[in-house]
Amino acid sequence: MRLLLFFSFTLFAGLFWGAVVAETLDIEQGIEQGAQADQTIYLEADQVEIDDKQKISTYQGNVKLSRGEITLLADKITAQRNNKGLGKFLATGNPVTFSKAPRVDQKGIKGQALEIEYDAEKEIMKLKKKAKLWQANDQFSGNLIIYNIAQESVTANKGGEKNGRVQVIIHPDSRSTDNNHQNNQ
């Protein structure tokens, strides 16, 4: 009986997430420039609970979410799926980390917070509680950092903390300093 239940759950989970992956491949073609080219979302975890009726799934233990250039690592991720198969992901951990691999024309980005909300459809990541974001040697820190992946923009604020402040550290890019110095001679 247990073996039958295991196979039934495995088949259900495979069909459910197979449908999610298939749906993500049928996303509208008009994706803005800078958007994730590979829209498929991959999740790995020690444990998974799926509620197909509510379109909610919970991943626990060494959770990894990958999508194109984005990787998100957390203790727990709760996913709310929408009709396109995408949706919102709430990641918690101590801390949750994410990275965006560098492209030829860009530097990579890394971030961490105690909680990260990832809206896969809008391509927005909200880093909450002890949030930090790095690009090369530059750093943002605050209680709330909003990273728009498609627009490649960052907004940071104190996130409701009464005495909170946003801190930004910007290091000059040595290549542009060298180029400016050569152009001025």
Protein backbone atom coordinates (compact mmCIF):
# COMPACT_ATOMS: atom_id res chain seq x y z
CA MET A 1 0.00 0.00 0.00
CA ARG A 2 2.80 2.43 0.91
CA LEU A 3 4.58 1.65 -2.34
CA LEU A 4 1.38 2.40 -4.28
CA LEU A 5 0.98 5.74 -2.44
CA PHE A 6 4.60 6.62 -3.15
CA PHE A 7 4.19 5.90 -6.88
CA SER A 8 0.88 7.80 -6.96
CA PHE A 9 2.47 10.85 -5.33
CA THR A 10 5.53 10.62 -7.59
CA LEU A 11 3.33 10.39 -10.70
CA PHE A 12 1.15 13.30 -9.47
CA ALA A 13 4.19 15.46 -8.69
CA GLY A 14 5.78 14.64 -12.05
CA LEU A 15 2.60 15.49 -13.96
CA PHE A 16 2.02 18.66 -11.91
CA TRP A 17 5.51 20.08 -12.36
CA GLY A 18 5.72 18.77 -15.91
CA ALA A 19 2.69 20.96 -16.61
CA VAL A 20 4.40 23.90 -14.88
CA VAL A 21 7.52 23.49 -17.01
CA ALA A 22 5.42 23.08 -20.17
CA GLU A 23 3.42 26.21 -19.31
CA THR A 24 6.57 28.24 -18.74
CA LEU A 25 7.74 27.36 -22.25
CA ASP A 26 4.58 28.91 -23.75
CA ILE A 27 5.11 32.42 -22.35
CA GLU A 28 4.32 35.36 -24.61
CA GLN A 29 7.07 36.32 -27.09
CA GLY A 30 7.13 40.05 -26.23
CA ILE A 31 9.60 39.76 -23.37
CA GLU A 32 11.46 43.01 -22.69
CA GLN A 33 15.14 43.25 -23.53
CA GLY A 34 17.22 42.10 -20.57
CA ALA A 35 14.56 39.58 -19.51
CA GLN A 36 15.51 36.02 -18.68
CA ALA A 37 15.86 34.24 -22.03
CA ASP A 38 15.25 30.80 -20.49
CA GLN A 39 11.90 31.14 -18.73
CA THR A 40 11.94 27.62 -17.29
CA ILE A 41 12.19 27.53 -13.49
CA TYR A 42 14.02 24.62 -11.88
CA LEU A 43 13.62 23.79 -8.17
CA GLU A 44 15.48 21.30 -5.98
CA ALA A 45 14.92 20.55 -2.27
CA ASP A 46 15.15 17.88 0.41
CA GLN A 47 11.35 17.87 0.76
CA VAL A 48 8.42 19.08 -1.37
CA GLU A 49 4.72 19.55 -0.53
CA ILE A 50 2.32 20.36 -3.37
CA ASP A 51 -1.26 21.62 -3.13
CA ASP A 52 -2.45 21.60 -6.74
CA LYS A 53 -5.90 22.93 -5.86
CA GLN A 54 -4.44 26.05 -4.21
CA LYS A 55 -1.54 26.25 -6.71
CA ILE A 56 0.93 26.38 -3.81
CA SER A 57 4.02 24.30 -3.27
CA THR A 58 6.52 24.35 -0.40
CA TYR A 59 10.15 23.33 -0.75
CA GLN A 60 12.23 22.74 2.37
CA GLY A 61 15.85 21.93 3.09
CA ASN A 62 18.75 23.10 0.90
CA VAL A 63 16.40 24.65 -1.64
CA LYS A 64 17.79 25.80 -4.98
CA LEU A 65 15.78 27.77 -7.55
CA SER A 66 17.39 28.34 -10.96
CA ARG A 67 16.10 30.36 -13.88
CA GLY A 68 18.41 31.41 -16.68
CA GLU A 69 21.17 33.50 -15.11
CA ILE A 70 19.48 33.60 -11.66
CA THR A 71 20.20 31.19 -8.79
CA LEU A 72 18.42 31.47 -5.43
CA LEU A 73 19.46 29.39 -2.38
CA ALA A 74 17.24 29.16 0.72
CA ASP A 75 16.18 27.02 3.66
CA LYS A 76 12.54 27.18 2.48
CA ILE A 77 10.71 28.44 -0.59
CA THR A 78 6.93 28.72 -0.91
CA ALA A 79 5.74 29.02 -4.51
CA GLN A 80 2.39 30.48 -5.61
CA ARG A 81 1.78 29.53 -9.25
CA ASN A 82 -0.32 31.67 -11.60
CA ASN A 83 -2.11 30.67 -14.82
CA LYS A 84 1.08 31.00 -16.89
CA GLY A 85 2.95 28.61 -14.61
CA LEU A 86 5.00 31.44 -13.20
CA GLY A 87 4.26 33.20 -9.99
CA LYS A 88 5.69 34.45 -6.76
CA PHE A 89 8.27 32.72 -4.64
CA LEU A 90 8.88 33.54 -0.98
CA ALA A 91 12.32 32.35 0.15
CA THR A 92 13.42 32.35 3.79
CA GLY A 93 16.72 31.42 5.36
CA ASN A 94 19.59 32.60 7.46
CA PRO A 95 20.38 34.12 5.00
CA VAL A 96 18.76 33.53 1.62
CA THR A 97 21.28 34.19 -1.15
CA PHE A 98 20.94 34.84 -4.85
CA SER A 99 23.28 35.46 -7.73
CA LYS A 100 22.94 36.58 -11.30
CA ALA A 101 25.74 35.39 -13.54
CA PRO A 102 27.69 38.08 -15.38
CA ARG A 103 27.23 38.68 -19.08
CA VAL A 104 29.85 39.96 -21.49
CA ASP A 105 28.66 43.56 -21.08
CA GLN A 106 27.83 43.37 -17.34
CA LYS A 107 29.20 42.41 -13.98
CA GLY A 108 27.53 39.69 -11.94
CA ILE A 109 25.22 40.54 -9.05
CA LYS A 110 24.93 38.82 -5.68
CA GLY A 111 22.53 39.45 -2.82
CA GLN A 112 21.40 38.16 0.53
CA ALA A 113 18.64 38.78 3.05
CA LEU A 114 16.63 36.89 5.63
CA GLU A 115 13.70 36.88 3.19
CA ILE A 116 13.54 37.28 -0.59
CA GLU A 117 10.33 37.63 -2.59
CA TYR A 118 10.83 36.74 -6.24
CA ASP A 119 8.10 37.69 -8.71
CA ALA A 120 9.05 35.53 -11.69
CA GLU A 121 6.55 37.13 -14.08
CA LYS A 122 7.55 40.74 -13.36
CA GLU A 123 11.22 39.78 -12.83
CA ILE A 124 11.48 41.65 -9.53
CA MET A 125 13.30 40.52 -6.42
CA LYS A 126 12.57 42.10 -3.03
CA LEU A 127 15.29 41.49 -0.46
CA LYS A 128 13.92 42.06 3.04
CA LYS A 129 15.47 42.16 6.52
CA LYS A 130 19.24 42.67 6.68
CA ALA A 131 19.40 42.96 2.90
CA LYS A 132 22.65 43.38 0.96
CA LEU A 133 23.34 43.55 -2.76
CA TRP A 134 26.76 43.52 -4.45
CA GLN A 135 27.90 44.22 -7.98
CA ALA A 136 31.67 43.81 -8.23
CA ASN A 137 32.98 45.85 -5.26
CA ASP A 138 29.92 48.12 -5.01
CA GLN A 139 27.42 47.39 -2.24
CA PHE A 140 23.89 48.37 -1.19
CA SER A 141 22.57 47.53 2.26
CA GLY A 142 19.28 48.32 3.98
CA ASN A 143 16.20 46.66 5.33
CA LEU A 144 14.52 46.55 1.89
CA ILE A 145 16.21 46.34 -1.50
CA ILE A 146 14.18 45.97 -4.69
CA TYR A 147 16.10 44.61 -7.67
CA ASN A 148 14.37 44.82 -11.05
CA ILE A 149 16.10 42.15 -13.12
CA ALA A 150 14.65 43.18 -16.50
CA GLN A 151 15.30 46.92 -16.00
CA GLU A 152 18.64 46.28 -14.23
CA SER A 153 17.74 48.80 -11.54
CA VAL A 154 17.98 48.86 -7.74
CA THR A 155 15.90 50.73 -5.17
CA ALA A 156 16.80 50.58 -1.48
CA ASN A 157 15.11 52.01 1.60
CA LYS A 158 14.92 51.56 5.34
CA GLY A 159 11.90 49.25 4.91
CA GLY A 160 9.81 50.47 7.82
CA GLU A 161 12.68 50.61 10.30
CA LYS A 162 12.27 53.73 12.42
CA ASN A 163 15.97 54.61 12.57
CA GLY A 164 17.08 52.57 9.57
CA ARG A 165 19.34 53.93 6.87
CA VAL A 166 20.44 52.77 3.46
CA GLN A 167 24.17 52.42 2.93
CA VAL A 168 25.82 52.49 -0.49
CA ILE A 169 29.48 51.87 -1.18
CA ILE A 170 30.69 52.66 -4.69
CA HIS A 171 34.22 51.91 -5.81
CA PRO A 172 35.46 53.64 -8.97
CA ASP A 173 35.95 51.27 -11.87
CA SER A 174 39.68 51.25 -12.53
CA ARG A 175 39.16 50.69 -16.27
CA SER A 176 37.01 53.80 -16.69
CA THR A 177 39.43 55.81 -14.53
CA ASP A 178 42.31 54.63 -16.74
CA ASN A 179 40.35 55.47 -19.92
CA ASN A 180 39.45 58.94 -18.65
CA HIS A 181 43.05 59.57 -17.63
CA GLN A 182 44.31 58.53 -21.12
CA ASN A 183 41.69 60.68 -22.88
CA ASN A 184 42.73 63.75 -20.86
CA GLN A 185 46.40 63.51 -21.91
